[in-house]
């Protein structure tokens, strides 16, 4: 609840808040039911998640996945 208040104080739009929530939820799903964010102790654990976002040239010739990973990184880093 306090995080929501902090985000609103910073003037973040509802769209930005929703996008951040989606990233955190996706990372949580990747970790699984028996893990929490407190269980993440190494960068390798986070890199495993980012490796699932990498796409081949044929899937993403413009390499938009890089922008997605950067956005995810910024969200997770601040969480």
PDB file of N, CA and C in Angstrom:
ATOM      1  N   UNK A   1       0.823  -1.193   0.000  1.00  0.00           N
ATOM      2  CA  UNK A   1       0.000   0.000   0.000  1.00  0.00           C
ATOM      3  C   UNK A   1       0.866   1.256   0.000  1.00  0.00           C
ATOM      4  N   UNK A   2       1.918   1.273   0.802  1.00  0.00           N
ATOM      5  CA  UNK A   2       2.800   2.435   0.850  1.00  0.00           C
ATOM      6  C   UNK A   2       3.511   2.654  -0.474  1.00  0.00           C
ATOM      7  N   UNK A   3       3.856   1.560  -1.181  1.00  0.00           N
ATOM      8  CA  UNK A   3       4.510   1.690  -2.473  1.00  0.00           C
ATOM      9  C   UNK A   3       3.606   2.406  -3.461  1.00  0.00           C
ATOM     10  N   UNK A   4       2.315   2.110  -3.415  1.00  0.00           N
ATOM     11  CA  UNK A   4       1.368   2.763  -4.310  1.00  0.00           C
ATOM     12  C   UNK A   4       1.333   4.259  -4.023  1.00  0.00           C
ATOM     13  N   UNK A   5       1.344   4.622  -2.768  1.00  0.00           N
ATOM     14  CA  UNK A   5       1.339   6.033  -2.381  1.00  0.00           C
ATOM     15  C   UNK A   5       2.620   6.697  -2.879  1.00  0.00           C
ATOM     16  N   UNK A   6       3.779   6.031  -2.710  1.00  0.00           N
ATOM     17  CA  UNK A   6       5.049   6.588  -3.153  1.00  0.00           C
ATOM     18  C   UNK A   6       5.060   6.800  -4.657  1.00  0.00           C
ATOM     19  N   UNK A   7       4.538   5.849  -5.405  1.00  0.00           N
ATOM     20  CA  UNK A   7       4.503   5.966  -6.861  1.00  0.00           C
ATOM     21  C   UNK A   7       3.625   7.144  -7.259  1.00  0.00           C
ATOM     22  N   UNK A   8       2.499   7.308  -6.595  1.00  0.00           N
ATOM     23  CA  UNK A   8       1.612   8.429  -6.923  1.00  0.00           C
ATOM     24  C   UNK A   8       2.248   9.762  -6.551  1.00  0.00           C
ATOM     25  N   UNK A   9       2.983   9.801  -5.444  1.00  0.00           N
ATOM     26  CA  UNK A   9       3.660  11.032  -5.050  1.00  0.00           C
ATOM     27  C   UNK A   9       4.684  11.449  -6.092  1.00  0.00           C
ATOM     28  N   UNK A  10       5.310  10.472  -6.723  1.00  0.00           N
ATOM     29  CA  UNK A  10       6.314  10.755  -7.741  1.00  0.00           C
ATOM     30  C   UNK A  10       5.680  11.176  -9.060  1.00  0.00           C
ATOM     31  N   UNK A  11       4.377  11.095  -9.159  1.00  0.00           N
ATOM     32  CA  UNK A  11       3.675  11.540 -10.354  1.00  0.00           C
ATOM     33  C   UNK A  11       3.660  10.528 -11.480  1.00  0.00           C
ATOM     34  N   UNK A  12       3.882   9.265 -11.172  1.00  0.00           N
ATOM     35  CA  UNK A  12       3.854   8.232 -12.208  1.00  0.00           C
ATOM     36  C   UNK A  12       2.432   8.029 -12.711  1.00  0.00           C
ATOM     37  N   UNK A  13       2.319   7.869 -14.010  1.00  0.00           N
ATOM     38  CA  UNK A  13       1.001   7.660 -14.592  1.00  0.00           C
ATOM     39  C   UNK A  13       0.492   6.258 -14.253  1.00  0.00           C
ATOM     40  N   UNK A  14      -0.789   6.083 -14.392  1.00  0.00           N
ATOM     41  CA  UNK A  14      -1.385   4.776 -14.142  1.00  0.00           C
ATOM     42  C   UNK A  14      -0.840   3.746 -15.132  1.00  0.00           C
ATOM     43  N   UNK A  15      -0.606   4.169 -16.369  1.00  0.00           N
ATOM     44  CA  UNK A  15      -0.033   3.288 -17.386  1.00  0.00           C
ATOM     45  C   UNK A  15       1.361   2.801 -16.954  1.00  0.00           C
ATOM     46  N   UNK A  16       2.178   3.711 -16.461  1.00  0.00           N
ATOM     47  CA  UNK A  16       3.523   3.363 -15.986  1.00  0.00           C
ATOM     48  C   UNK A  16       3.447   2.408 -14.791  1.00  0.00           C
ATOM     49  N   UNK A  17       2.540   2.675 -13.879  1.00  0.00           N
ATOM     50  CA  UNK A  17       2.361   1.807 -12.717  1.00  0.00           C
ATOM     51  C   UNK A  17       1.939   0.409 -13.147  1.00  0.00           C
ATOM     52  N   UNK A  18       1.018   0.318 -14.101  1.00  0.00           N
ATOM     53  CA  UNK A  18       0.557  -0.986 -14.595  1.00  0.00           C
ATOM     54  C   UNK A  18       1.686  -1.753 -15.273  1.00  0.00           C
ATOM     55  N   UNK A  19       2.497  -1.046 -16.070  1.00  0.00           N
ATOM     56  CA  UNK A  19       3.619  -1.707 -16.740  1.00  0.00           C
ATOM     57  C   UNK A  19       4.617  -2.250 -15.723  1.00  0.00           C
ATOM     58  N   UNK A  20       4.910  -1.479 -14.693  1.00  0.00           N
ATOM     59  CA  UNK A  20       5.828  -1.942 -13.656  1.00  0.00           C
ATOM     60  C   UNK A  20       5.269  -3.159 -12.930  1.00  0.00           C
ATOM     61  N   UNK A  21       3.995  -3.131 -12.648  1.00  0.00           N
ATOM     62  CA  UNK A  21       3.355  -4.257 -11.975  1.00  0.00           C
ATOM     63  C   UNK A  21       3.417  -5.520 -12.840  1.00  0.00           C
ATOM     64  N   UNK A  22       3.202  -5.366 -14.136  1.00  0.00           N
ATOM     65  CA  UNK A  22       3.279  -6.508 -15.050  1.00  0.00           C
ATOM     66  C   UNK A  22       4.673  -7.134 -15.040  1.00  0.00           C
ATOM     67  N   UNK A  23       5.708  -6.302 -15.025  1.00  0.00           N
ATOM     68  CA  UNK A  23       7.081  -6.813 -15.007  1.00  0.00           C
ATOM     69  C   UNK A  23       7.343  -7.573 -13.713  1.00  0.00           C
ATOM     70  N   UNK A  24       6.959  -6.996 -12.596  1.00  0.00           N
ATOM     71  CA  UNK A  24       7.180  -7.634 -11.299  1.00  0.00           C
ATOM     72  C   UNK A  24       6.401  -8.948 -11.214  1.00  0.00           C
ATOM     73  N   UNK A  25       5.189  -8.957 -11.729  1.00  0.00           N
ATOM     74  CA  UNK A  25       4.389 -10.183 -11.710  1.00  0.00           C
ATOM     75  C   UNK A  25       5.012 -11.255 -12.601  1.00  0.00           C
ATOM     76  N   UNK A  26       5.522 -10.854 -13.752  1.00  0.00           N
ATOM     77  CA  UNK A  26       6.146 -11.821 -14.654  1.00  0.00           C
ATOM     78  C   UNK A  26       7.408 -12.410 -14.031  1.00  0.00           C
ATOM     79  N   UNK A  27       8.198 -11.578 -13.373  1.00  0.00           N
ATOM     80  CA  UNK A  27       9.393 -12.067 -12.697  1.00  0.00           C
ATOM     81  C   UNK A  27       9.005 -12.997 -11.548  1.00  0.00           C
ATOM     82  N   UNK A  28       7.973 -12.644 -10.830  1.00  0.00           N
ATOM     83  CA  UNK A  28       7.482 -13.486  -9.743  1.00  0.00           C
ATOM     84  C   UNK A  28       7.041 -14.851 -10.266  1.00  0.00           C
ATOM     85  N   UNK A  29       6.319 -14.861 -11.380  1.00  0.00           N
ATOM     86  CA  UNK A  29       5.893 -16.128 -11.987  1.00  0.00           C
ATOM     87  C   UNK A  29       7.096 -16.956 -12.415  1.00  0.00           C
ATOM     88  N   UNK A  30       8.126 -16.296 -12.922  1.00  0.00           N
ATOM     89  CA  UNK A  30       9.341 -17.002 -13.316  1.00  0.00           C
ATOM     90  C   UNK A  30      10.001 -17.666 -12.108  1.00  0.00           C
ATOM     91  N   UNK A  31      10.002 -16.967 -10.975  1.00  0.00           N
ATOM     92  CA  UNK A  31      10.617 -17.513  -9.762  1.00  0.00           C
ATOM     93  C   UNK A  31       9.855 -18.730  -9.250  1.00  0.00           C
ATOM     94  N   UNK A  32       8.554 -18.739  -9.449  1.00  0.00           N
ATOM     95  CA  UNK A  32       7.742 -19.877  -9.011  1.00  0.00           C
ATOM     96  C   UNK A  32       7.065 -19.624  -7.686  1.00  0.00           C
ATOM     97  N   UNK A  33       6.158 -20.523  -7.361  1.00  0.00           N
ATOM     98  CA  UNK A  33       5.336 -20.379  -6.156  1.00  0.00           C
ATOM     99  C   UNK A  33       6.129 -20.490  -4.865  1.00  0.00           C
ATOM    100  N   UNK A  34       7.173 -21.282  -4.865  1.00  0.00           N
ATOM    101  CA  UNK A  34       7.909 -21.542  -3.627  1.00  0.00           C
ATOM    102  C   UNK A  34       9.058 -20.573  -3.401  1.00  0.00           C
ATOM    103  N   UNK A  35       9.145 -19.522  -4.213  1.00  0.00           N
ATOM    104  CA  UNK A  35      10.216 -18.535  -4.072  1.00  0.00           C
ATOM    105  C   UNK A  35       9.621 -17.150  -3.909  1.00  0.00           C
ATOM    106  N   UNK A  36      10.401 -16.282  -3.318  1.00  0.00           N
ATOM    107  CA  UNK A  36      10.000 -14.885  -3.211  1.00  0.00           C
ATOM    108  C   UNK A  36      11.165 -14.023  -3.674  1.00  0.00           C
ATOM    109  N   UNK A  37      10.937 -12.735  -3.737  1.00  0.00           N
ATOM    110  CA  UNK A  37      11.994 -11.824  -4.153  1.00  0.00           C
ATOM    111  C   UNK A  37      13.156 -11.843  -3.158  1.00  0.00           C
ATOM    112  N   UNK A  38      12.871 -12.195  -1.924  1.00  0.00           N
ATOM    113  CA  UNK A  38      13.928 -12.280  -0.923  1.00  0.00           C
ATOM    114  C   UNK A  38      14.880 -13.434  -1.186  1.00  0.00           C
ATOM    115  N   UNK A  39      14.424 -14.405  -1.974  1.00  0.00           N
ATOM    116  CA  UNK A  39      15.263 -15.553  -2.319  1.00  0.00           C
ATOM    117  C   UNK A  39      16.248 -15.247  -3.437  1.00  0.00           C
ATOM    118  N   UNK A  40      16.094 -14.130  -4.100  1.00  0.00           N
ATOM    119  CA  UNK A  40      17.000 -13.753  -5.189  1.00  0.00           C
ATOM    120  C   UNK A  40      18.252 -13.153  -4.562  1.00  0.00           C
ATOM    121  N   UNK A  41      19.348 -13.891  -4.678  1.00  0.00           N
ATOM    122  CA  UNK A  41      20.594 -13.477  -4.024  1.00  0.00           C
ATOM    123  C   UNK A  41      21.721 -13.184  -5.007  1.00  0.00           C
ATOM    124  N   UNK A  42      21.603 -13.668  -6.237  1.00  0.00           N
ATOM    125  CA  UNK A  42      22.696 -13.483  -7.193  1.00  0.00           C
ATOM    126  C   UNK A  42      22.174 -12.894  -8.496  1.00  0.00           C
ATOM    127  N   UNK A  43      23.076 -12.260  -9.228  1.00  0.00           N
ATOM    128  CA  UNK A  43      22.680 -11.691 -10.513  1.00  0.00           C
ATOM    129  C   UNK A  43      22.353 -12.782 -11.518  1.00  0.00           C
ATOM    130  N   UNK A  44      22.933 -13.963 -11.331  1.00  0.00           N
ATOM    131  CA  UNK A  44      22.655 -15.073 -12.232  1.00  0.00           C
ATOM    132  C   UNK A  44      21.176 -15.456 -12.217  1.00  0.00           C
ATOM    133  N   UNK A  45      20.553 -15.336 -11.054  1.00  0.00           N
ATOM    134  CA  UNK A  45      19.127 -15.637 -10.957  1.00  0.00           C
ATOM    135  C   UNK A  45      18.305 -14.666 -11.803  1.00  0.00           C
ATOM    136  N   UNK A  46      18.709 -13.417 -11.804  1.00  0.00           N
ATOM    137  CA  UNK A  46      18.009 -12.409 -12.605  1.00  0.00           C
ATOM    138  C   UNK A  46      18.326 -12.616 -14.085  1.00  0.00           C
ATOM    139  N   UNK A  47      19.588 -12.948 -14.385  1.00  0.00           N
ATOM    140  CA  UNK A  47      19.979 -13.172 -15.772  1.00  0.00           C
ATOM    141  C   UNK A  47      19.227 -14.346 -16.397  1.00  0.00           C
ATOM    142  N   UNK A  48      18.921 -15.352 -15.606  1.00  0.00           N
ATOM    143  CA  UNK A  48      18.128 -16.479 -16.105  1.00  0.00           C
ATOM    144  C   UNK A  48      16.779 -15.982 -16.617  1.00  0.00           C
ATOM    145  N   UNK A  49      16.186 -15.059 -15.870  1.00  0.00           N
ATOM    146  CA  UNK A  49      14.908 -14.487 -16.282  1.00  0.00           C
ATOM    147  C   UNK A  49      15.080 -13.704 -17.588  1.00  0.00           C
ATOM    148  N   UNK A  50      16.122 -12.891 -17.677  1.00  0.00           N
ATOM    149  CA  UNK A  50      16.341 -12.102 -18.885  1.00  0.00           C
ATOM    150  C   UNK A  50      16.656 -12.980 -20.089  1.00  0.00           C
ATOM    151  N   UNK A  51      17.303 -14.098 -19.865  1.00  0.00           N
ATOM    152  CA  UNK A  51      17.598 -15.012 -20.967  1.00  0.00           C
ATOM    153  C   UNK A  51      16.336 -15.552 -21.616  1.00  0.00           C
ATOM    154  N   UNK A  52      15.246 -15.580 -20.878  1.00  0.00           N
ATOM    155  CA  UNK A  52      13.981 -16.039 -21.463  1.00  0.00           C
ATOM    156  C   UNK A  52      13.391 -14.989 -22.407  1.00  0.00           C
ATOM    157  N   UNK A  53      13.905 -13.774 -22.370  1.00  0.00           N
ATOM    158  CA  UNK A  53      13.392 -12.680 -23.208  1.00  0.00           C
ATOM    159  C   UNK A  53      14.153 -12.536 -24.520  1.00  0.00           C
ATOM    160  N   UNK A  54      15.307 -13.191 -24.633  1.00  0.00           N
ATOM    161  CA  UNK A  54      16.122 -13.085 -25.840  1.00  0.00           C
ATOM    162  C   UNK A  54      15.417 -13.806 -26.983  1.00  0.00           C
ATOM    163  N   UNK A  55      15.372 -13.130 -28.129  1.00  0.00           N
ATOM    164  CA  UNK A  55      14.723 -13.706 -29.304  1.00  0.00           C
ATOM    165  C   UNK A  55      15.728 -13.807 -30.445  1.00  0.00           C
ATOM    166  N   UNK A  56      15.499 -14.764 -31.304  1.00  0.00           N
ATOM    167  CA  UNK A  56      16.376 -14.936 -32.465  1.00  0.00           C
ATOM    168  C   UNK A  56      16.131 -13.814 -33.478  1.00  0.00           C
ATOM    169  N   UNK A  57      17.033 -13.723 -34.422  1.00  0.00           N
ATOM    170  CA  UNK A  57      16.899 -12.727 -35.482  1.00  0.00           C
ATOM    171  C   UNK A  57      15.596 -12.928 -36.253  1.00  0.00           C
ATOM    172  N   UNK A  58      15.209 -14.187 -36.439  1.00  0.00           N
ATOM    173  CA  UNK A  58      14.000 -14.474 -37.212  1.00  0.00           C
ATOM    174  C   UNK A  58      12.730 -14.123 -36.440  1.00  0.00           C
ATOM    175  N   UNK A  59      12.787 -14.217 -35.135  1.00  0.00           N
ATOM    176  CA  UNK A  59      11.631 -13.847 -34.310  1.00  0.00           C
ATOM    177  C   UNK A  59      11.521 -12.335 -34.142  1.00  0.00           C
ATOM    178  N   UNK A  60      12.675 -11.674 -34.094  1.00  0.00           N
ATOM    179  CA  UNK A  60      12.694 -10.231 -33.831  1.00  0.00           C
ATOM    180  C   UNK A  60      13.862  -9.588 -34.579  1.00  0.00           C
ATOM    181  N   UNK A  61      13.711  -9.374 -35.892  1.00  0.00           N
ATOM    182  CA  UNK A  61      14.820  -8.836 -36.689  1.00  0.00           C
ATOM    183  C   UNK A  61      15.246  -7.432 -36.273  1.00  0.00           C
ATOM    184  N   UNK A  62      14.347  -6.673 -35.651  1.00  0.00           N
ATOM    185  CA  UNK A  62      14.686  -5.314 -35.204  1.00  0.00           C
ATOM    186  C   UNK A  62      15.307  -5.289 -33.812  1.00  0.00           C
ATOM    187  N   UNK A  63      15.422  -6.446 -33.205  1.00  0.00           N
ATOM    188  CA  UNK A  63      15.994  -6.598 -31.860  1.00  0.00           C
ATOM    189  C   UNK A  63      15.289  -5.726 -30.821  1.00  0.00           C
ATOM    190  N   UNK A  64      13.971  -5.712 -30.909  1.00  0.00           N
ATOM    191  CA  UNK A  64      13.184  -4.966 -29.920  1.00  0.00           C
ATOM    192  C   UNK A  64      13.262  -5.597 -28.539  1.00  0.00           C
ATOM    193  N   UNK A  65      13.646  -6.871 -28.479  1.00  0.00           N
ATOM    194  CA  UNK A  65      13.763  -7.553 -27.197  1.00  0.00           C
ATOM    195  C   UNK A  65      14.789  -6.852 -26.307  1.00  0.00           C
ATOM    196  N   UNK A  66      15.753  -6.165 -26.893  1.00  0.00           N
ATOM    197  CA  UNK A  66      16.768  -5.465 -26.097  1.00  0.00           C
ATOM    198  C   UNK A  66      16.122  -4.328 -25.306  1.00  0.00           C
ATOM    199  N   UNK A  67      15.245  -3.589 -25.948  1.00  0.00           N
ATOM    200  CA  UNK A  67      14.528  -2.510 -25.258  1.00  0.00           C
ATOM    201  C   UNK A  67      13.661  -3.075 -24.146  1.00  0.00           C
ATOM    202  N   UNK A  68      13.004  -4.189 -24.435  1.00  0.00           N
ATOM    203  CA  UNK A  68      12.173  -4.846 -23.421  1.00  0.00           C
ATOM    204  C   UNK A  68      13.025  -5.232 -22.216  1.00  0.00           C
ATOM    205  N   UNK A  69      14.166  -5.835 -22.460  1.00  0.00           N
ATOM    206  CA  UNK A  69      15.053  -6.239 -21.360  1.00  0.00           C
ATOM    207  C   UNK A  69      15.532  -5.032 -20.562  1.00  0.00           C
ATOM    208  N   UNK A  70      15.853  -3.954 -21.239  1.00  0.00           N
ATOM    209  CA  UNK A  70      16.288  -2.743 -20.533  1.00  0.00           C
ATOM    210  C   UNK A  70      15.175  -2.183 -19.653  1.00  0.00           C
ATOM    211  N   UNK A  71      13.950  -2.186 -20.171  1.00  0.00           N
ATOM    212  CA  UNK A  71      12.813  -1.720 -19.364  1.00  0.00           C
ATOM    213  C   UNK A  71      12.601  -2.633 -18.160  1.00  0.00           C
ATOM    214  N   UNK A  72      12.676  -3.939 -18.380  1.00  0.00           N
ATOM    215  CA  UNK A  72      12.519  -4.894 -17.291  1.00  0.00           C
ATOM    216  C   UNK A  72      13.621  -4.701 -16.252  1.00  0.00           C
ATOM    217  N   UNK A  73      14.841  -4.507 -16.730  1.00  0.00           N
ATOM    218  CA  UNK A  73      15.973  -4.307 -15.820  1.00  0.00           C
ATOM    219  C   UNK A  73      15.755  -3.091 -14.931  1.00  0.00           C
ATOM    220  N   UNK A  74      15.345  -1.985 -15.516  1.00  0.00           N
ATOM    221  CA  UNK A  74      15.111  -0.782 -14.721  1.00  0.00           C
ATOM    222  C   UNK A  74      14.007  -0.983 -13.694  1.00  0.00           C
ATOM    223  N   UNK A  75      12.966  -1.678 -14.070  1.00  0.00           N
ATOM    224  CA  UNK A  75      11.868  -1.927 -13.136  1.00  0.00           C
ATOM    225  C   UNK A  75      12.311  -2.832 -11.990  1.00  0.00           C
ATOM    226  N   UNK A  76      12.958  -3.942 -12.328  1.00  0.00           N
ATOM    227  CA  UNK A  76      13.390  -4.894 -11.299  1.00  0.00           C
ATOM    228  C   UNK A  76      14.459  -4.282 -10.406  1.00  0.00           C
ATOM    229  N   UNK A  77      15.343  -3.510 -10.998  1.00  0.00           N
ATOM    230  CA  UNK A  77      16.427  -2.869 -10.222  1.00  0.00           C
ATOM    231  C   UNK A  77      15.859  -1.922  -9.162  1.00  0.00           C
ATOM    232  N   UNK A  78      14.811  -1.215  -9.507  1.00  0.00           N
ATOM    233  CA  UNK A  78      14.230  -0.259  -8.564  1.00  0.00           C
ATOM    234  C   UNK A  78      13.275  -0.917  -7.570  1.00  0.00           C
ATOM    235  N   UNK A  79      12.847  -2.134  -7.889  1.00  0.00           N
ATOM    236  CA  UNK A  79      11.944  -2.824  -6.999  1.00  0.00           C
ATOM    237  C   UNK A  79      12.732  -3.356  -5.826  1.00  0.00           C
TER     238      UNK A  79
END
